[in-house]
Amino acid sequence: MGHACTDPRHHVHDADAYVGEVERVCEQRGLRLTPIRAHALRLIADAKRPLKAYELLDLMKATHDAAAPPTVYRALEFLLEHGFIHKLASVNAFVGCHHPASEPHAVPFLICDRCHSATELEDQQIVAALDRRARALGFVPQAQTLEVHGLCASCAAAG
């Protein structure tokens, strides 16, 4: 049985708490959370759904004159590298990590094709099983991306 928490709002109750947690982690790790990085993080947390890079760029341009594409992409790279956000490859969008204080990690996502919500499926057994199966075939895994598309419970119930 996996971890019981699969609610995207469970660990990140609001953008302030989320950014505050990341600031605390950056201080502990000796990382620099610049104002641009913090703003990108806040916008991702506020979005309540996966946010595409161009959407983030548009939102940042509205409040930061210095929000050129390279600046935004560097901010996203920093946030990804340190495990504060996840990239959903199939929809090319970003979401906040449920556990921003943890080390960067692989996590399966359930992505609703109707409302576009993304649920971080906190189940280490799935991640471990994929790793074991790959290694049993002689494959040396370096990264995992598992995204399951379908309908979330709310959209499925609505028909």
Protein backbone atom coordinates (compact mmCIF):
# COMPACT_ATOMS: atom_id res chain seq x y z
CA MET A 1 0.00 0.00 0.00
CA GLY A 2 1.37 3.42 -0.93
CA HIS A 3 1.42 6.56 1.10
CA ALA A 4 -2.12 7.74 1.83
CA CYS A 5 -1.52 11.32 0.69
CA THR A 6 -2.49 11.88 -2.92
CA ASP A 7 -4.24 15.23 -2.50
CA PRO A 8 -2.25 17.95 -4.31
CA ARG A 9 -3.12 20.42 -1.54
CA HIS A 10 -2.18 18.16 1.38
CA HIS A 11 1.38 19.33 1.98
CA VAL A 12 1.29 22.73 0.28
CA HIS A 13 -1.63 24.44 1.95
CA ASP A 14 -1.10 27.79 0.26
CA ALA A 15 1.49 29.59 -1.81
CA ASP A 16 2.88 31.50 1.20
CA ALA A 17 3.48 28.30 3.17
CA TYR A 18 4.97 26.60 0.13
CA VAL A 19 7.39 29.41 -0.71
CA GLY A 20 8.25 29.71 3.00
CA GLU A 21 9.12 26.00 3.13
CA VAL A 22 11.31 26.29 0.03
CA GLU A 23 13.02 29.38 1.49
CA ARG A 24 13.76 27.43 4.67
CA VAL A 25 15.16 24.49 2.67
CA CYS A 26 17.30 26.80 0.52
CA GLU A 27 18.75 28.38 3.63
CA GLN A 28 19.54 24.93 5.09
CA ARG A 29 21.17 23.76 1.85
CA GLY A 30 23.05 27.00 1.18
CA LEU A 31 21.06 27.69 -1.98
CA ARG A 32 20.04 31.12 -3.23
CA LEU A 33 16.32 31.57 -3.86
CA THR A 34 16.40 34.77 -5.89
CA PRO A 35 13.30 36.98 -6.12
CA ILE A 36 12.69 35.72 -9.69
CA ARG A 37 12.92 32.08 -8.58
CA ALA A 38 10.64 32.73 -5.60
CA HIS A 39 8.13 34.52 -7.83
CA ALA A 40 8.10 31.66 -10.34
CA LEU A 41 7.59 29.22 -7.48
CA ARG A 42 4.70 31.27 -6.07
CA LEU A 43 2.99 31.45 -9.45
CA ILE A 44 3.30 27.68 -9.89
CA ALA A 45 1.86 27.12 -6.41
CA ASP A 46 -0.96 29.62 -7.02
CA ALA A 47 -1.94 28.02 -10.33
CA LYS A 48 -3.61 24.97 -8.67
CA ARG A 49 -2.92 23.08 -11.92
CA PRO A 50 0.11 22.31 -14.09
CA LEU A 51 1.51 25.53 -15.53
CA LYS A 52 3.23 25.63 -18.92
CA ALA A 53 6.46 27.61 -19.29
CA TYR A 54 4.92 30.17 -21.66
CA GLU A 55 2.02 30.70 -19.23
CA LEU A 56 4.53 31.26 -16.44
CA LEU A 57 6.47 33.67 -18.65
CA ASP A 58 3.31 35.68 -19.39
CA LEU A 59 2.41 35.84 -15.68
CA MET A 60 5.94 36.90 -14.75
CA LYS A 61 6.11 39.57 -17.47
CA ALA A 62 3.04 41.16 -15.90
CA THR A 63 4.99 41.84 -12.69
CA HIS A 64 8.73 41.63 -13.53
CA ASP A 65 10.27 43.65 -16.34
CA ALA A 66 13.30 41.32 -16.24
CA ALA A 67 11.20 38.22 -16.97
CA ALA A 68 12.77 37.34 -20.31
CA PRO A 69 12.49 33.72 -21.49
CA PRO A 70 16.09 32.79 -20.51
CA THR A 71 15.52 34.17 -16.99
CA VAL A 72 12.33 32.16 -16.54
CA TYR A 73 13.89 28.98 -17.92
CA ARG A 74 16.89 29.37 -15.59
CA ALA A 75 14.50 29.77 -12.65
CA LEU A 76 12.63 26.61 -13.70
CA GLU A 77 15.92 24.71 -14.09
CA PHE A 78 16.95 25.70 -10.55
CA LEU A 79 13.58 24.71 -9.08
CA LEU A 80 13.63 21.37 -10.94
CA GLU A 81 17.25 20.59 -10.11
CA HIS A 82 16.60 20.99 -6.39
CA GLY A 83 13.31 19.09 -6.38
CA PHE A 84 11.01 22.00 -5.55
CA ILE A 85 8.87 21.42 -8.64
CA HIS A 86 8.15 18.54 -11.02
CA LYS A 87 7.92 18.67 -14.80
CA LEU A 88 5.07 16.79 -16.41
CA ALA A 89 6.68 15.77 -19.69
CA SER A 90 3.50 14.66 -21.47
CA VAL A 91 1.86 18.08 -21.08
CA ASN A 92 5.12 20.09 -20.87
CA ALA A 93 4.04 21.81 -17.66
CA PHE A 94 5.24 22.29 -14.09
CA VAL A 95 3.70 21.62 -10.67
CA GLY A 96 4.95 22.15 -7.14
CA CYS A 97 6.36 19.14 -5.30
CA HIS A 98 4.35 17.91 -2.30
CA HIS A 99 7.56 17.50 -0.32
CA PRO A 100 9.81 20.45 -1.18
CA ALA A 101 12.13 19.59 1.72
CA SER A 102 12.91 16.13 0.34
CA GLU A 103 15.70 15.36 -2.09
CA PRO A 104 14.73 15.36 -5.80
CA HIS A 105 12.78 12.18 -6.47
CA ALA A 106 10.76 10.31 -9.08
CA VAL A 107 7.03 10.34 -8.57
CA PRO A 108 4.14 9.04 -10.67
CA PHE A 109 1.44 11.56 -11.63
CA LEU A 110 -2.23 11.09 -12.43
CA ILE A 111 -3.23 13.74 -14.99
CA CYS A 112 -6.86 14.54 -15.74
CA ASP A 113 -7.45 15.13 -19.44
CA ARG A 114 -10.63 17.13 -18.73
CA CYS A 115 -9.82 19.55 -15.88
CA HIS A 116 -6.01 19.25 -16.26
CA SER A 117 -5.40 18.57 -12.57
CA ALA A 118 -2.25 16.62 -11.71
CA THR A 119 -2.10 14.44 -8.63
CA GLU A 120 1.26 13.40 -7.24
CA LEU A 121 0.81 9.70 -6.52
CA GLU A 122 2.94 9.15 -3.46
CA ASP A 123 3.72 5.47 -3.84
CA GLN A 124 7.37 4.52 -3.51
CA GLN A 125 6.48 0.89 -4.27
CA ILE A 126 5.61 1.82 -7.86
CA VAL A 127 8.89 3.71 -8.30
CA ALA A 128 10.87 0.87 -6.71
CA ALA A 129 9.10 -1.80 -8.80
CA LEU A 130 9.93 0.00 -12.06
CA ASP A 131 13.55 0.36 -10.95
CA ARG A 132 13.79 -3.33 -10.00
CA ARG A 133 12.22 -4.52 -13.26
CA ALA A 134 14.54 -2.31 -15.33
CA ARG A 135 17.62 -3.55 -13.47
CA ALA A 136 16.48 -7.19 -13.85
CA LEU A 137 16.71 -6.62 -17.62
CA GLY A 138 20.23 -5.23 -17.27
CA PHE A 139 19.04 -1.66 -17.76
CA VAL A 140 20.60 1.01 -15.53
CA PRO A 141 17.84 3.57 -14.84
CA GLN A 142 18.86 7.17 -14.28
CA ALA A 143 15.48 8.91 -14.22
CA GLN A 144 11.81 7.95 -14.17
CA THR A 145 8.81 9.71 -15.61
CA LEU A 146 5.47 8.00 -15.10
CA GLU A 147 2.35 9.90 -16.05
CA VAL A 148 -1.06 8.28 -16.23
CA HIS A 149 -3.74 10.14 -18.21
CA GLY A 150 -7.45 9.74 -17.66
CA LEU A 151 -10.21 11.39 -15.63
CA CYS A 152 -9.92 12.46 -12.00
CA ALA A 153 -12.60 11.29 -9.58
CA SER A 154 -14.57 14.57 -9.89
CA CYS A 155 -14.58 14.55 -13.70
CA ALA A 156 -15.37 10.82 -13.85
CA ALA A 157 -18.32 11.31 -11.49
CA ALA A 158 -19.59 14.23 -13.58
CA GLY A 159 -19.77 11.92 -16.60
